[in-house]
């Protein structure tokens, strides 16, 4: 009985240690520097700062920032406190809600430029493509999407965009050119039909769907 009790106790300790180890590994992965901008600690940190700094006239609640970036409110609160101490964001209280916005600081413009070039493509493309009729959904793929997903490699030189639908080509070209000017990098757009997206069997479909896809907008999330 004593040996069985000791064995059970050892098993419980082993399970508990395994869970702790897994938790540490998850935390480490979350804190890995993002390949798109390794100067920052993590992709969620970059996404929070991108939302705030690329929308300088907008105020964000901590709940809204957490929802947009898939993080917890407590995590966002810690990041905002760090960013406010660094002087790149400011916050105010409205009742029980903490509202955050870009700070009027000498550091804000340089950091905004870095975030625009690295994490800005998703937001900029969403803004430019949203008024083009006939687009059902759009995705970033290729090297930018791979770096966004955490794959190591050289910084992406251009942006590959997959548009699903039947958009007006001239409107789409104009939108892509506007995005190019804002992002200072080439935007390559590929158009495919919804049928191709659902049922395609060609090599391009296989290659695109097996690699990271980052949704720009649309009803369906890339999986």
Protein backbone atom coordinates (compact mmCIF):
# COMPACT_ATOMS: atom_id res chain seq x y z
CA UNK A 1 0.00 0.00 0.00
CA UNK A 2 2.81 2.37 0.88
CA UNK A 3 4.53 1.68 -2.43
CA UNK A 4 1.23 2.25 -4.32
CA UNK A 5 0.65 5.53 -2.45
CA UNK A 6 4.20 6.65 -3.19
CA UNK A 7 3.73 5.68 -6.85
CA UNK A 8 0.48 7.64 -7.10
CA UNK A 9 2.11 10.62 -5.46
CA UNK A 10 5.03 10.47 -7.88
CA UNK A 11 2.60 10.27 -10.81
CA UNK A 12 0.70 13.33 -9.59
CA UNK A 13 3.95 15.27 -9.25
CA UNK A 14 4.99 14.14 -12.73
CA UNK A 15 1.68 15.26 -14.24
CA UNK A 16 1.84 18.56 -12.39
CA UNK A 17 5.45 19.11 -13.54
CA UNK A 18 4.45 18.29 -17.11
CA UNK A 19 1.63 20.83 -16.99
CA UNK A 20 3.95 23.49 -15.59
CA UNK A 21 6.51 22.75 -18.29
CA UNK A 22 3.86 22.98 -21.02
CA UNK A 23 2.68 26.29 -19.56
CA UNK A 24 6.22 27.67 -19.59
CA UNK A 25 6.69 26.55 -23.18
CA UNK A 26 3.43 28.21 -24.23
CA UNK A 27 4.46 31.43 -22.52
CA UNK A 28 7.88 31.27 -24.17
CA UNK A 29 6.31 30.78 -27.59
CA UNK A 30 3.97 33.72 -27.05
CA UNK A 31 6.92 35.88 -26.09
CA UNK A 32 9.06 34.93 -29.08
CA UNK A 33 10.20 37.98 -31.07
CA UNK A 34 8.12 38.28 -34.27
CA UNK A 35 10.15 37.70 -37.47
CA UNK A 36 8.47 40.70 -39.10
CA UNK A 37 9.96 43.02 -36.46
CA UNK A 38 12.33 41.15 -34.07
CA UNK A 39 12.94 44.35 -32.12
CA UNK A 40 9.64 43.69 -30.32
CA UNK A 41 8.96 40.93 -27.80
CA UNK A 42 5.98 39.25 -29.44
CA UNK A 43 3.48 39.39 -32.27
CA UNK A 44 0.55 40.35 -29.98
CA UNK A 45 2.62 43.28 -28.67
CA UNK A 46 3.24 44.40 -32.26
CA UNK A 47 -0.44 44.02 -33.14
CA UNK A 48 -1.57 46.11 -30.18
CA UNK A 49 0.87 48.90 -31.02
CA UNK A 50 -0.04 48.72 -34.71
CA UNK A 51 -3.74 49.18 -33.97
CA UNK A 52 -3.07 52.18 -31.76
CA UNK A 53 -0.34 53.96 -33.70
CA UNK A 54 -1.78 53.43 -37.19
CA UNK A 55 -5.07 54.94 -36.01
CA UNK A 56 -3.78 58.04 -34.20
CA UNK A 57 -7.15 59.74 -33.85
CA UNK A 58 -8.88 56.75 -32.28
CA UNK A 59 -9.22 55.74 -28.65
CA UNK A 60 -9.27 52.07 -27.72
CA UNK A 61 -10.56 50.35 -24.62
CA UNK A 62 -8.47 47.54 -23.18
CA UNK A 63 -11.31 45.12 -23.93
CA UNK A 64 -11.40 46.18 -27.58
CA UNK A 65 -7.63 45.78 -27.95
CA UNK A 66 -7.79 42.33 -26.36
CA UNK A 67 -10.61 41.31 -28.72
CA UNK A 68 -8.78 42.54 -31.82
CA UNK A 69 -5.55 40.75 -30.94
CA UNK A 70 -6.88 37.58 -29.33
CA UNK A 71 -5.24 38.28 -25.98
CA UNK A 72 -6.48 38.81 -22.43
CA UNK A 73 -7.40 42.15 -20.94
CA UNK A 74 -4.82 41.67 -18.17
CA UNK A 75 -2.08 41.06 -20.77
CA UNK A 76 -3.11 44.15 -22.74
CA UNK A 77 -3.13 46.21 -19.55
CA UNK A 78 0.48 45.24 -18.82
CA UNK A 79 1.58 46.04 -22.38
CA UNK A 80 -0.20 49.40 -22.38
CA UNK A 81 1.41 50.30 -19.06
CA UNK A 82 4.85 49.55 -20.55
CA UNK A 83 4.06 51.51 -23.71
CA UNK A 84 2.79 54.46 -21.69
CA UNK A 85 5.94 54.45 -19.55
CA UNK A 86 7.94 54.50 -22.81
CA UNK A 87 5.97 57.52 -23.97
CA UNK A 88 4.41 56.07 -27.15
CA UNK A 89 0.80 55.84 -25.93
CA UNK A 90 -1.35 57.78 -23.49
CA UNK A 91 -4.46 56.76 -21.59
CA UNK A 92 -7.32 58.30 -19.67
CA UNK A 93 -10.13 57.05 -17.50
CA UNK A 94 -13.76 57.30 -18.51
CA UNK A 95 -15.61 55.87 -15.55
CA UNK A 96 -14.23 52.38 -15.08
CA UNK A 97 -12.93 52.18 -18.66
CA UNK A 98 -9.30 52.92 -19.55
CA UNK A 99 -9.06 54.50 -23.02
CA UNK A 100 -5.79 54.40 -24.93
CA UNK A 101 -4.50 56.37 -27.89
CA UNK A 102 -1.23 57.25 -29.62
CA UNK A 103 0.83 59.74 -27.62
CA UNK A 104 2.13 63.05 -28.91
CA UNK A 105 5.77 62.07 -28.56
CA UNK A 106 9.02 62.28 -30.58
CA UNK A 107 9.10 58.47 -30.43
CA UNK A 108 5.67 57.92 -31.94
CA UNK A 109 6.37 58.75 -35.59
CA UNK A 110 9.49 56.55 -35.96
CA UNK A 111 7.78 53.60 -34.26
CA UNK A 112 4.65 54.10 -36.37
CA UNK A 113 6.76 53.97 -39.52
CA UNK A 114 8.39 50.70 -38.41
CA UNK A 115 5.03 49.14 -37.60
CA UNK A 116 3.51 50.34 -40.89
CA UNK A 117 6.29 48.66 -42.88
CA UNK A 118 6.22 45.42 -40.86
CA UNK A 119 2.76 44.75 -39.42
CA UNK A 120 0.80 47.42 -41.31
CA UNK A 121 0.03 45.53 -44.57
CA UNK A 122 -2.98 43.68 -43.17
CA UNK A 123 -4.65 46.88 -41.96
CA UNK A 124 -3.71 48.99 -44.98
CA UNK A 125 -4.94 46.37 -47.46
CA UNK A 126 -8.19 45.98 -45.56
CA UNK A 127 -8.76 49.74 -45.76
CA UNK A 128 -7.96 49.92 -49.48
CA UNK A 129 -9.84 46.79 -50.58
CA UNK A 130 -12.99 47.18 -48.51
CA UNK A 131 -14.73 49.43 -51.06
CA UNK A 132 -13.89 47.30 -54.11
CA UNK A 133 -17.11 45.56 -55.09
CA UNK A 134 -17.06 41.88 -55.90
CA UNK A 135 -14.48 40.78 -53.32
CA UNK A 136 -15.80 38.01 -51.09
CA UNK A 137 -12.60 37.64 -49.07
CA UNK A 138 -8.92 38.40 -49.31
CA UNK A 139 -5.79 36.86 -47.83
CA UNK A 140 -2.11 37.67 -47.56
CA UNK A 141 0.05 34.71 -48.49
CA UNK A 142 3.69 34.06 -49.38
CA UNK A 143 6.70 35.34 -47.44
CA UNK A 144 4.88 38.08 -45.48
CA UNK A 145 2.26 35.63 -44.24
CA UNK A 146 5.00 33.15 -43.34
CA UNK A 147 6.91 35.75 -41.30
CA UNK A 148 3.64 36.84 -39.66
CA UNK A 149 2.98 33.22 -38.69
CA UNK A 150 6.38 33.07 -37.03
CA UNK A 151 8.45 31.32 -39.70
CA UNK A 152 12.03 32.56 -39.73
CA UNK A 153 13.45 33.95 -42.95
CA UNK A 154 14.48 37.07 -44.82
CA UNK A 155 12.26 40.15 -44.55
CA UNK A 156 9.57 40.04 -47.28
CA UNK A 157 10.36 42.28 -50.25
CA UNK A 158 6.81 42.42 -51.56
CA UNK A 159 3.28 41.45 -50.62
CA UNK A 160 1.23 38.63 -52.16
CA UNK A 161 -2.54 39.02 -51.94
CA UNK A 162 -5.14 36.41 -52.88
CA UNK A 163 -8.54 37.89 -53.74
CA UNK A 164 -11.55 35.56 -53.90
CA UNK A 165 -14.47 36.83 -55.96
CA UNK A 166 -15.12 38.74 -59.16
CA UNK A 167 -13.92 42.31 -58.53
CA UNK A 168 -13.64 45.07 -61.09
CA UNK A 169 -10.03 44.79 -62.28
CA UNK A 170 -9.49 48.53 -62.63
CA UNK A 171 -10.83 49.24 -59.13
CA UNK A 172 -8.70 46.46 -57.72
CA UNK A 173 -5.56 47.73 -59.47
CA UNK A 174 -6.20 51.25 -58.16
CA UNK A 175 -6.63 49.92 -54.61
CA UNK A 176 -3.42 47.88 -54.88
CA UNK A 177 -1.50 50.91 -56.12
CA UNK A 178 -2.74 53.01 -53.22
CA UNK A 179 -1.60 50.30 -50.82
CA UNK A 180 1.79 50.20 -52.56
CA UNK A 181 2.29 53.91 -52.05
CA UNK A 182 1.34 53.73 -48.38
CA UNK A 183 3.45 50.67 -47.64
CA UNK A 184 6.38 51.48 -49.94
CA UNK A 185 6.49 47.95 -51.31
CA UNK A 186 5.07 46.08 -54.29
CA UNK A 187 1.63 44.50 -53.94
CA UNK A 188 0.97 41.46 -56.16
CA UNK A 189 -2.72 40.53 -56.44
CA UNK A 190 -3.99 37.14 -57.64
CA UNK A 191 -7.72 36.72 -58.31
CA UNK A 192 -9.51 33.40 -58.04
CA UNK A 193 -13.18 32.38 -58.05
CA UNK A 194 -15.11 31.12 -55.01
CA UNK A 195 -15.43 27.76 -56.77
CA UNK A 196 -11.66 27.53 -57.13
CA UNK A 197 -11.28 28.40 -53.45
CA UNK A 198 -13.65 25.61 -52.40
CA UNK A 199 -12.79 22.92 -54.94
CA UNK A 200 -9.45 23.78 -56.59
CA UNK A 201 -7.01 20.94 -57.19
CA UNK A 202 -4.24 22.67 -59.16
CA UNK A 203 -0.71 23.18 -57.88
CA UNK A 204 -1.25 26.82 -56.91
CA UNK A 205 -4.28 25.93 -54.78
CA UNK A 206 -2.30 23.19 -53.04
CA UNK A 207 0.68 25.44 -52.42
CA UNK A 208 -1.36 28.40 -51.14
CA UNK A 209 -3.62 26.41 -48.82
CA UNK A 210 -0.79 24.41 -47.21
CA UNK A 211 1.19 27.53 -46.31
CA UNK A 212 0.24 30.29 -43.85
CA UNK A 213 -2.69 32.47 -44.92
CA UNK A 214 -3.51 35.72 -43.13
CA UNK A 215 -7.11 36.92 -43.61
CA UNK A 216 -7.39 40.55 -44.70
CA UNK A 217 -11.16 40.39 -44.47
CA UNK A 218 -13.99 38.03 -45.33
CA UNK A 219 -16.53 35.71 -43.78
CA UNK A 220 -14.22 32.73 -43.63
CA UNK A 221 -11.08 32.51 -41.54
CA UNK A 222 -8.09 30.77 -42.97
CA UNK A 223 -7.53 27.45 -41.30
